[in-house]
Each structure stands twice: as structure tokens, then as C-alpha cells.
Amino acid sequence: SWALGCVLVSYTGRLQFMVRSLGNLPRWLLLLEMLICLGPAFAYFIFVAVSTAQGYLLFVPAPGYTPLQEGLIFGSATLIGPIGLVAAYRTLFSEGLRPGRALTGLLYLLAIWSGAVFVGLLVRFRVALEVWLLLVPLVLLPTAAVMHLAWLRSHTVRNGENS
């Protein structure tokens, strides 16, 4: 039990150091992270908007849905891309400006909605395994970016930089 306690204390100390050092990353690196995490959702949002405007079917032919209805569903599911990029840019390049509770809550809600839409789509239409890989750039990476933005907010609020 003593050895397990020593291992637990050493891992806890290392994790605390790693988490503290995340706040010291250069802004350009954080922006690159946000572009990598939110860029695919933003690009897919543009694709959905253009395809819907032209009347094309988007992902799979969904029985009972018009192209406009599909566009609204997928457009809202990928809305985390543009809103997240604007929030990330404002957060990273404005002194002392961090996303507020309302914006953070909205981003979390969009992340949950995105996951629900794409998982529901994949389960309902029983698509191939390759399509499941869309969950990484369109759901998991934006969720990670939102969590990091929320961590940046909580980190600065806790340190008293911005309340």
C-alpha cells in the first residue's frame, strides 16, 4: 500500500505539472491546435451550406427528408466549427478576454448536438466502418477544442486574471 501511494503521488505531481504548463504555450501553437481541431468542422459547415444552397443531397439519401432539412440538421451539427474558431481567435488574441459562461455552454451544447446527430446518423443507416471515422474530425476533435477553451477560461478565472 505504501508503494502504491508513492506511485500515485508521483503521477499526480507529474500530471499537475503538465496541466500547469499548458497555460504557457505560445499563442500561435494554441491557434494551430484550434485550427486542427475545428477546421474540419468549419470546412464541412461550408460544404453543407453550399450543397444545401444548390439543392444537392449531402451525406446519405435519408428517406423522408428534403435536402433543405438535411442541410439544416447537418449545418447545425457542424456549426461548432465556425463558432468555435471565432471564440478561439477572440480568446487567443485578445488580452484578458476569455469565453464567457454562455459561450462556453453554447460550445458544449453544440459539441453534444454534433455527437448526437452523427452517431444517430451512423446507427440509423448502418453505414460502413469508414464513415465512422468521420466522428474523429467532426465530433471528437471539436469537443477536445471546446474542452481546452473551457480549461483556458477556468485557468484564468482561477488565477484571478479575468472574472
N, C-alpha and C. Protein backbone atom coordinates (compact mmCIF):
# COMPACT_ATOMS: atom_id res chain seq x y z
N SER A 1 0.82 -1.18 0.00
CA SER A 1 0.00 0.00 0.00
C SER A 1 0.87 1.26 0.00
N TRP A 2 2.02 1.22 0.70
CA TRP A 2 2.92 2.37 0.73
C TRP A 2 3.49 2.63 -0.67
N ALA A 3 3.87 1.58 -1.38
CA ALA A 3 4.43 1.73 -2.72
C ALA A 3 3.37 2.27 -3.69
N LEU A 4 2.15 1.80 -3.56
CA LEU A 4 1.08 2.30 -4.40
C LEU A 4 0.83 3.79 -4.12
N GLY A 5 0.89 4.20 -2.88
CA GLY A 5 0.74 5.61 -2.53
C GLY A 5 1.85 6.46 -3.13
N CYS A 6 3.09 5.94 -3.10
CA CYS A 6 4.21 6.67 -3.70
C CYS A 6 4.01 6.85 -5.21
N VAL A 7 3.57 5.80 -5.87
CA VAL A 7 3.33 5.88 -7.32
C VAL A 7 2.21 6.87 -7.60
N LEU A 8 1.14 6.82 -6.81
CA LEU A 8 0.01 7.73 -7.01
C LEU A 8 0.44 9.19 -6.82
N VAL A 9 1.24 9.47 -5.78
CA VAL A 9 1.69 10.83 -5.53
C VAL A 9 2.60 11.32 -6.66
N SER A 10 3.47 10.45 -7.16
CA SER A 10 4.38 10.87 -8.23
C SER A 10 3.62 11.13 -9.52
N TYR A 11 2.64 10.28 -9.85
CA TYR A 11 1.84 10.52 -11.05
C TYR A 11 1.00 11.78 -10.91
N THR A 12 0.43 12.01 -9.74
CA THR A 12 -0.38 13.21 -9.52
C THR A 12 0.48 14.46 -9.68
N GLY A 13 1.69 14.44 -9.13
CA GLY A 13 2.59 15.59 -9.26
C GLY A 13 2.96 15.84 -10.71
N ARG A 14 3.22 14.79 -11.44
CA ARG A 14 3.60 14.94 -12.86
C ARG A 14 2.42 15.50 -13.67
N LEU A 15 1.21 14.99 -13.43
CA LEU A 15 0.05 15.48 -14.14
C LEU A 15 -0.23 16.95 -13.82
N GLN A 16 -0.06 17.34 -12.55
CA GLN A 16 -0.27 18.74 -12.19
C GLN A 16 0.74 19.64 -12.90
N PHE A 17 1.98 19.19 -13.02
CA PHE A 17 2.98 19.97 -13.73
C PHE A 17 2.63 20.10 -15.21
N MET A 18 2.17 18.99 -15.82
CA MET A 18 1.81 19.02 -17.23
C MET A 18 0.62 19.94 -17.47
N VAL A 19 -0.37 19.90 -16.59
CA VAL A 19 -1.55 20.75 -16.76
C VAL A 19 -1.17 22.22 -16.57
N ARG A 20 -0.33 22.53 -15.60
CA ARG A 20 0.10 23.91 -15.39
C ARG A 20 0.89 24.44 -16.57
N SER A 21 1.67 23.58 -17.21
CA SER A 21 2.49 24.05 -18.33
C SER A 21 1.68 24.29 -19.59
N LEU A 22 0.42 23.81 -19.66
CA LEU A 22 -0.42 24.06 -20.83
C LEU A 22 -0.73 25.54 -20.99
N GLY A 23 -0.80 26.28 -19.89
CA GLY A 23 -1.10 27.70 -19.97
C GLY A 23 0.05 28.53 -20.51
N ASN A 24 1.24 27.97 -20.56
CA ASN A 24 2.42 28.71 -21.01
C ASN A 24 2.74 28.48 -22.48
N LEU A 25 1.87 27.82 -23.21
CA LEU A 25 2.13 27.55 -24.62
C LEU A 25 2.00 28.84 -25.41
N PRO A 26 2.79 29.00 -26.48
CA PRO A 26 2.65 30.21 -27.31
C PRO A 26 1.29 30.24 -28.00
N ARG A 27 0.84 31.46 -28.27
CA ARG A 27 -0.48 31.63 -28.89
C ARG A 27 -0.56 31.01 -30.27
N TRP A 28 0.52 31.07 -31.04
CA TRP A 28 0.47 30.51 -32.38
C TRP A 28 0.27 29.00 -32.32
N LEU A 29 0.83 28.35 -31.30
CA LEU A 29 0.66 26.91 -31.16
C LEU A 29 -0.77 26.57 -30.75
N LEU A 30 -1.34 27.38 -29.86
CA LEU A 30 -2.74 27.17 -29.47
C LEU A 30 -3.68 27.42 -30.65
N LEU A 31 -3.36 28.43 -31.47
CA LEU A 31 -4.17 28.69 -32.66
C LEU A 31 -4.07 27.52 -33.65
N LEU A 32 -2.89 26.98 -33.81
CA LEU A 32 -2.71 25.81 -34.68
C LEU A 32 -3.54 24.63 -34.16
N GLU A 33 -3.54 24.43 -32.85
CA GLU A 33 -4.35 23.37 -32.26
C GLU A 33 -5.83 23.59 -32.57
N MET A 34 -6.30 24.83 -32.41
CA MET A 34 -7.71 25.13 -32.67
C MET A 34 -8.05 24.95 -34.15
N LEU A 35 -7.12 25.33 -35.03
CA LEU A 35 -7.37 25.14 -36.47
C LEU A 35 -7.44 23.66 -36.82
N ILE A 36 -6.57 22.86 -36.22
CA ILE A 36 -6.59 21.42 -36.49
C ILE A 36 -7.86 20.78 -35.94
N CYS A 37 -8.30 21.23 -34.75
CA CYS A 37 -9.47 20.62 -34.13
C CYS A 37 -10.78 21.12 -34.72
N LEU A 38 -10.86 22.40 -35.05
CA LEU A 38 -12.13 22.98 -35.51
C LEU A 38 -12.19 23.19 -37.02
N GLY A 39 -11.05 23.12 -37.69
CA GLY A 39 -11.02 23.34 -39.14
C GLY A 39 -11.86 22.36 -39.94
N PRO A 40 -11.79 21.05 -39.66
CA PRO A 40 -12.63 20.13 -40.43
C PRO A 40 -14.13 20.38 -40.26
N ALA A 41 -14.56 20.71 -39.06
CA ALA A 41 -15.98 21.02 -38.84
C ALA A 41 -16.37 22.30 -39.58
N PHE A 42 -15.46 23.28 -39.60
CA PHE A 42 -15.72 24.51 -40.35
C PHE A 42 -15.82 24.23 -41.84
N ALA A 43 -14.90 23.44 -42.37
CA ALA A 43 -14.92 23.10 -43.80
C ALA A 43 -16.19 22.32 -44.15
N TYR A 44 -16.59 21.41 -43.29
CA TYR A 44 -17.81 20.64 -43.55
C TYR A 44 -19.04 21.54 -43.46
N PHE A 45 -19.00 22.54 -42.58
CA PHE A 45 -20.10 23.51 -42.50
C PHE A 45 -20.24 24.26 -43.82
N ILE A 46 -19.11 24.69 -44.38
CA ILE A 46 -19.13 25.38 -45.68
C ILE A 46 -19.67 24.45 -46.77
N PHE A 47 -19.22 23.19 -46.75
CA PHE A 47 -19.69 22.20 -47.72
C PHE A 47 -21.21 22.02 -47.60
N VAL A 48 -21.71 21.91 -46.39
CA VAL A 48 -23.14 21.73 -46.16
C VAL A 48 -23.91 22.95 -46.66
N ALA A 49 -23.41 24.14 -46.35
CA ALA A 49 -24.10 25.36 -46.77
C ALA A 49 -24.17 25.47 -48.28
N VAL A 50 -23.06 25.20 -48.96
CA VAL A 50 -23.03 25.31 -50.43
C VAL A 50 -23.89 24.21 -51.05
N SER A 51 -23.79 23.00 -50.54
CA SER A 51 -24.59 21.90 -51.11
C SER A 51 -26.07 22.12 -50.89
N THR A 52 -26.44 22.62 -49.74
CA THR A 52 -27.85 22.88 -49.47
C THR A 52 -28.37 24.01 -50.36
N ALA A 53 -27.56 25.03 -50.55
CA ALA A 53 -27.97 26.14 -51.41
C ALA A 53 -28.17 25.68 -52.85
N GLN A 54 -27.42 24.69 -53.28
CA GLN A 54 -27.54 24.18 -54.64
C GLN A 54 -28.55 23.04 -54.75
N GLY A 55 -29.08 22.57 -53.62
CA GLY A 55 -30.10 21.52 -53.64
C GLY A 55 -29.57 20.12 -53.74
N TYR A 56 -28.29 19.89 -53.45
CA TYR A 56 -27.72 18.55 -53.53
C TYR A 56 -27.99 17.76 -52.24
N LEU A 57 -28.02 16.43 -52.39
CA LEU A 57 -28.09 15.58 -51.21
C LEU A 57 -26.73 15.59 -50.53
N LEU A 58 -26.73 15.47 -49.22
CA LEU A 58 -25.48 15.64 -48.50
C LEU A 58 -24.77 14.33 -48.22
N PHE A 59 -25.19 13.65 -47.19
CA PHE A 59 -24.41 12.53 -46.68
C PHE A 59 -24.91 11.22 -47.23
N VAL A 60 -26.12 10.91 -46.91
CA VAL A 60 -26.78 9.71 -47.43
C VAL A 60 -28.20 10.11 -47.79
N PRO A 61 -28.79 9.46 -48.75
CA PRO A 61 -30.19 9.78 -49.03
C PRO A 61 -31.06 9.31 -47.88
N ALA A 62 -31.58 10.24 -47.12
CA ALA A 62 -32.40 9.92 -45.96
C ALA A 62 -33.86 9.92 -46.38
N PRO A 63 -34.53 8.79 -46.27
CA PRO A 63 -35.93 8.76 -46.69
C PRO A 63 -36.78 9.67 -45.81
N GLY A 64 -37.59 10.47 -46.47
CA GLY A 64 -38.48 11.35 -45.74
C GLY A 64 -37.93 12.73 -45.44
N TYR A 65 -36.68 12.99 -45.81
CA TYR A 65 -36.07 14.30 -45.56
C TYR A 65 -35.74 14.98 -46.89
N THR A 66 -36.05 16.24 -46.96
CA THR A 66 -35.69 17.02 -48.14
C THR A 66 -34.23 17.47 -48.00
N PRO A 67 -33.60 17.89 -49.10
CA PRO A 67 -32.23 18.40 -48.98
C PRO A 67 -32.11 19.59 -48.03
N LEU A 68 -33.15 20.42 -47.96
CA LEU A 68 -33.12 21.55 -47.04
C LEU A 68 -33.14 21.08 -45.58
N GLN A 69 -33.96 20.08 -45.28
CA GLN A 69 -34.00 19.55 -43.92
C GLN A 69 -32.67 18.90 -43.55
N GLU A 70 -32.08 18.14 -44.49
CA GLU A 70 -30.76 17.56 -44.23
C GLU A 70 -29.74 18.66 -43.98
N GLY A 71 -29.79 19.72 -44.79
CA GLY A 71 -28.86 20.83 -44.64
C GLY A 71 -28.99 21.50 -43.29
N LEU A 72 -30.22 21.68 -42.82
CA LEU A 72 -30.41 22.28 -41.50
C LEU A 72 -29.87 21.39 -40.38
N ILE A 73 -30.10 20.10 -40.49
CA ILE A 73 -29.62 19.17 -39.46
C ILE A 73 -28.09 19.14 -39.45
N PHE A 74 -27.48 18.91 -40.62
CA PHE A 74 -26.02 18.81 -40.67
C PHE A 74 -25.35 20.16 -40.47
N GLY A 75 -26.00 21.22 -40.94
CA GLY A 75 -25.45 22.56 -40.72
C GLY A 75 -25.40 22.90 -39.25
N SER A 76 -26.47 22.56 -38.52
CA SER A 76 -26.46 22.83 -37.08
C SER A 76 -25.47 21.93 -36.36
N ALA A 77 -25.26 20.73 -36.87
CA ALA A 77 -24.31 19.81 -36.22
C ALA A 77 -22.87 20.25 -36.44
N THR A 78 -22.60 20.96 -37.53
CA THR A 78 -21.23 21.41 -37.79
C THR A 78 -21.03 22.89 -37.46
N LEU A 79 -22.03 23.50 -36.88
CA LEU A 79 -21.93 24.91 -36.50
C LEU A 79 -20.87 25.15 -35.44
N ILE A 80 -20.45 24.10 -34.78
CA ILE A 80 -19.39 24.23 -33.78
C ILE A 80 -18.08 24.70 -34.42
N GLY A 81 -17.88 24.40 -35.71
CA GLY A 81 -16.66 24.82 -36.39
C GLY A 81 -16.51 26.33 -36.47
N PRO A 82 -17.44 27.05 -37.13
CA PRO A 82 -17.27 28.49 -37.22
C PRO A 82 -17.38 29.22 -35.88
N ILE A 83 -18.33 28.82 -35.05
CA ILE A 83 -18.46 29.49 -33.75
C ILE A 83 -17.24 29.22 -32.88
N GLY A 84 -16.75 27.99 -32.91
CA GLY A 84 -15.56 27.65 -32.12
C GLY A 84 -14.32 28.38 -32.60
N LEU A 85 -14.15 28.54 -33.92
CA LEU A 85 -12.99 29.26 -34.44
C LEU A 85 -13.03 30.74 -34.06
N VAL A 86 -14.21 31.35 -34.11
CA VAL A 86 -14.33 32.75 -33.70
C VAL A 86 -14.02 32.89 -32.22
N ALA A 87 -14.56 31.98 -31.41
CA ALA A 87 -14.29 32.02 -29.96
C ALA A 87 -12.81 31.79 -29.67
N ALA A 88 -12.19 30.86 -30.39
CA ALA A 88 -10.77 30.59 -30.18
C ALA A 88 -9.92 31.79 -30.58
N TYR A 89 -10.25 32.42 -31.70
CA TYR A 89 -9.48 33.59 -32.15
C TYR A 89 -9.61 34.72 -31.15
N ARG A 90 -10.83 34.99 -30.70
CA ARG A 90 -11.04 36.05 -29.71
C ARG A 90 -10.32 35.73 -28.40
N THR A 91 -10.32 34.48 -28.02
CA THR A 91 -9.69 34.08 -26.76
C THR A 91 -8.18 34.20 -26.85
N LEU A 92 -7.61 33.77 -27.96
CA LEU A 92 -6.16 33.71 -28.06
C LEU A 92 -5.51 35.05 -28.38
N PHE A 93 -6.24 35.94 -29.04
CA PHE A 93 -5.60 37.18 -29.47
C PHE A 93 -6.18 38.44 -28.83
N SER A 94 -6.95 38.29 -27.78
CA SER A 94 -7.44 39.44 -27.02
C SER A 94 -6.88 39.33 -25.61
N GLU A 95 -6.29 40.40 -25.15
CA GLU A 95 -5.72 40.40 -23.81
C GLU A 95 -6.83 40.31 -22.77
N GLY A 96 -6.77 39.30 -21.97
CA GLY A 96 -7.70 39.14 -20.87
C GLY A 96 -9.11 38.73 -21.25
N LEU A 97 -9.40 38.54 -22.53
CA LEU A 97 -10.74 38.16 -22.95
C LEU A 97 -10.81 36.65 -23.05
N ARG A 98 -11.66 36.06 -22.28
CA ARG A 98 -11.87 34.62 -22.29
C ARG A 98 -13.33 34.33 -22.59
N PRO A 99 -13.63 33.16 -23.13
CA PRO A 99 -15.04 32.88 -23.42
C PRO A 99 -15.86 32.88 -22.13
N GLY A 100 -17.00 33.53 -22.17
CA GLY A 100 -17.86 33.60 -21.00
C GLY A 100 -18.59 32.29 -20.78
N ARG A 101 -19.37 32.27 -19.73
CA ARG A 101 -20.11 31.06 -19.41
C ARG A 101 -21.13 30.72 -20.49
N ALA A 102 -21.79 31.75 -21.02
CA ALA A 102 -22.81 31.50 -22.05
C ALA A 102 -22.18 30.91 -23.31
N LEU A 103 -21.05 31.47 -23.76
CA LEU A 103 -20.39 30.96 -24.95
C LEU A 103 -19.83 29.56 -24.71
N THR A 104 -19.25 29.35 -23.55
CA THR A 104 -18.74 28.01 -23.22
C THR A 104 -19.88 27.00 -23.18
N GLY A 105 -21.00 27.38 -22.58
CA GLY A 105 -22.16 26.50 -22.55
C GLY A 105 -22.69 26.20 -23.94
N LEU A 106 -22.73 27.24 -24.80
CA LEU A 106 -23.17 27.05 -26.18
C LEU A 106 -22.25 26.09 -26.92
N LEU A 107 -20.94 26.24 -26.73
CA LEU A 107 -19.99 25.35 -27.41
C LEU A 107 -20.13 23.91 -26.91
N TYR A 108 -20.34 23.74 -25.62
CA TYR A 108 -20.58 22.38 -25.10
C TYR A 108 -21.87 21.81 -25.67
N LEU A 109 -22.91 22.62 -25.75
CA LEU A 109 -24.18 22.17 -26.30
C LEU A 109 -24.02 21.78 -27.78
N LEU A 110 -23.28 22.57 -28.53
CA LEU A 110 -23.04 22.24 -29.94
C LEU A 110 -22.21 20.95 -30.07
N ALA A 111 -21.26 20.75 -29.16
CA ALA A 111 -20.47 19.51 -29.19
C ALA A 111 -21.36 18.29 -28.93
N ILE A 112 -22.26 18.42 -27.97
CA ILE A 112 -23.18 17.31 -27.67
C ILE A 112 -24.13 17.07 -28.86
N TRP A 113 -24.66 18.16 -29.43
CA TRP A 113 -25.56 18.04 -30.57
C TRP A 113 -24.85 17.40 -31.76
N SER A 114 -23.63 17.81 -32.01
CA SER A 114 -22.85 17.24 -33.11
C SER A 114 -22.68 15.74 -32.93
N GLY A 115 -22.31 15.34 -31.73
CA GLY A 115 -22.16 13.91 -31.44
C GLY A 115 -23.46 13.16 -31.61
N ALA A 116 -24.56 13.74 -31.13
CA ALA A 116 -25.85 13.07 -31.23
C ALA A 116 -26.29 12.91 -32.69
N VAL A 117 -26.09 13.95 -33.49
CA VAL A 117 -26.50 13.88 -34.90
C VAL A 117 -25.69 12.84 -35.65
N PHE A 118 -24.37 12.85 -35.51
CA PHE A 118 -23.56 11.93 -36.30
C PHE A 118 -23.67 10.49 -35.81
N VAL A 119 -23.75 10.29 -34.51
CA VAL A 119 -23.94 8.92 -34.02
C VAL A 119 -25.32 8.41 -34.42
N GLY A 120 -26.34 9.27 -34.31
CA GLY A 120 -27.68 8.86 -34.74
C GLY A 120 -27.71 8.52 -36.22
N LEU A 121 -27.04 9.32 -37.02
CA LEU A 121 -26.98 9.05 -38.46
C LEU A 121 -26.30 7.71 -38.73
N LEU A 122 -25.18 7.49 -38.10
CA LEU A 122 -24.42 6.28 -38.37
C LEU A 122 -25.13 5.03 -37.88
N VAL A 123 -25.83 5.13 -36.76
CA VAL A 123 -26.54 3.97 -36.23
C VAL A 123 -27.81 3.70 -37.03
N ARG A 124 -28.54 4.76 -37.37
CA ARG A 124 -29.80 4.56 -38.06
C ARG A 124 -29.62 3.97 -39.45
N PHE A 125 -28.63 4.43 -40.19
CA PHE A 125 -28.46 3.98 -41.56
C PHE A 125 -27.44 2.86 -41.71
N ARG A 126 -26.87 2.41 -40.60
CA ARG A 126 -25.94 1.27 -40.59
C ARG A 126 -24.90 1.41 -41.72
N VAL A 127 -24.16 2.49 -41.66
CA VAL A 127 -23.18 2.76 -42.70
C VAL A 127 -21.89 2.00 -42.43
N ALA A 128 -21.00 2.02 -43.40
CA ALA A 128 -19.75 1.27 -43.31
C ALA A 128 -18.84 1.84 -42.22
N LEU A 129 -17.88 1.05 -41.84
CA LEU A 129 -16.95 1.43 -40.77
C LEU A 129 -16.14 2.67 -41.14
N GLU A 130 -15.85 2.86 -42.42
CA GLU A 130 -15.06 4.01 -42.83
C GLU A 130 -15.78 5.32 -42.50
N VAL A 131 -17.08 5.30 -42.56
CA VAL A 131 -17.85 6.51 -42.28
C VAL A 131 -17.80 6.84 -40.78
N TRP A 132 -17.62 5.83 -39.95
CA TRP A 132 -17.47 6.07 -38.51
C TRP A 132 -16.25 6.92 -38.22
N LEU A 133 -15.27 6.90 -39.12
CA LEU A 133 -14.08 7.72 -38.93
C LEU A 133 -14.39 9.21 -39.01
N LEU A 134 -15.56 9.58 -39.53
CA LEU A 134 -15.97 10.98 -39.52
C LEU A 134 -16.18 11.51 -38.10
N LEU A 135 -16.38 10.60 -37.16
CA LEU A 135 -16.56 11.05 -35.78
C LEU A 135 -15.32 11.75 -35.24
N VAL A 136 -14.15 11.37 -35.71
CA VAL A 136 -12.92 11.99 -35.19
C VAL A 136 -12.84 13.46 -35.58
N PRO A 137 -12.86 13.82 -36.88
CA PRO A 137 -12.71 15.25 -37.19
C PRO A 137 -13.96 16.09 -36.96
N LEU A 138 -15.13 15.47 -36.94
CA LEU A 138 -16.36 16.26 -36.84
C LEU A 138 -16.98 16.25 -35.45
N VAL A 139 -16.54 15.35 -34.57
CA VAL A 139 -17.12 15.30 -33.23
C VAL A 139 -16.03 15.33 -32.16
N LEU A 140 -15.08 14.42 -32.22
CA LEU A 140 -14.10 14.30 -31.13
C LEU A 140 -13.12 15.46 -31.08
N LEU A 141 -12.57 15.87 -32.22
CA LEU A 141 -11.63 16.99 -32.22
C LEU A 141 -12.28 18.32 -31.81
N PRO A 142 -13.48 18.65 -32.33
CA PRO A 142 -14.11 19.88 -31.84
C PRO A 142 -14.44 19.83 -30.35
N THR A 143 -14.81 18.66 -29.85
CA THR A 143 -15.09 18.53 -28.42
C THR A 143 -13.82 18.77 -27.62
N ALA A 144 -12.69 18.25 -28.09
CA ALA A 144 -11.42 18.49 -27.41
C ALA A 144 -11.06 19.97 -27.41
N ALA A 145 -11.32 20.66 -28.53
CA ALA A 145 -11.03 22.09 -28.60
C ALA A 145 -11.91 22.87 -27.63
N VAL A 146 -13.18 22.51 -27.54
CA VAL A 146 -14.09 23.18 -26.61
C VAL A 146 -13.63 22.96 -25.17
N MET A 147 -13.22 21.75 -24.88
CA MET A 147 -12.74 21.47 -23.52
C MET A 147 -11.48 22.27 -23.21
N HIS A 148 -10.60 22.44 -24.19
CA HIS A 148 -9.39 23.21 -23.95
C HIS A 148 -9.71 24.69 -23.78
N LEU A 149 -10.65 25.22 -24.58
CA LEU A 149 -11.06 26.61 -24.39
C LEU A 149 -11.69 26.82 -23.02
N ALA A 150 -12.50 25.86 -22.58
CA ALA A 150 -13.11 25.97 -21.25
C ALA A 150 -12.03 25.89 -20.17
N TRP A 151 -11.02 25.06 -20.39
CA TRP A 151 -9.93 24.97 -19.42
C TRP A 151 -9.17 26.29 -19.36
N LEU A 152 -8.93 26.91 -20.52
CA LEU A 152 -8.26 28.21 -20.52
C LEU A 152 -9.06 29.24 -19.74
N ARG A 153 -10.39 29.19 -19.90
CA ARG A 153 -11.24 30.12 -19.17
C ARG A 153 -11.15 29.86 -17.67
N SER A 154 -11.29 28.62 -17.26
CA SER A 154 -11.28 28.31 -15.83
C SER A 154 -9.90 28.58 -15.23
N HIS A 155 -8.85 28.36 -16.03
CA HIS A 155 -7.50 28.58 -15.54
C HIS A 155 -7.27 30.08 -15.27
N THR A 156 -7.72 30.95 -16.17
CA THR A 156 -7.51 32.38 -15.95
C THR A 156 -8.43 32.92 -14.86
N VAL A 157 -9.66 32.39 -14.77
CA VAL A 157 -10.56 32.84 -13.71
C VAL A 157 -10.01 32.43 -12.36
N ARG A 158 -9.49 31.21 -12.27
CA ARG A 158 -8.96 30.73 -11.01
C ARG A 158 -7.72 31.52 -10.59
N ASN A 159 -6.92 31.96 -11.55
CA ASN A 159 -5.71 32.73 -11.22
C ASN A 159 -6.00 34.20 -11.03
N GLY A 160 -7.25 34.61 -11.20
CA GLY A 160 -7.62 35.98 -10.95
C GLY A 160 -7.33 36.94 -12.08
N GLU A 161 -6.99 36.45 -13.26
CA GLU A 161 -6.70 37.33 -14.39
C GLU A 161 -7.97 37.93 -14.97
N ASN A 162 -9.04 37.17 -14.97
CA ASN A 162 -10.29 37.64 -15.57
C ASN A 162 -11.44 37.00 -14.81
N SER A 163 -12.43 37.79 -14.46
CA SER A 163 -13.56 37.20 -13.76
C SER A 163 -14.87 37.48 -14.44
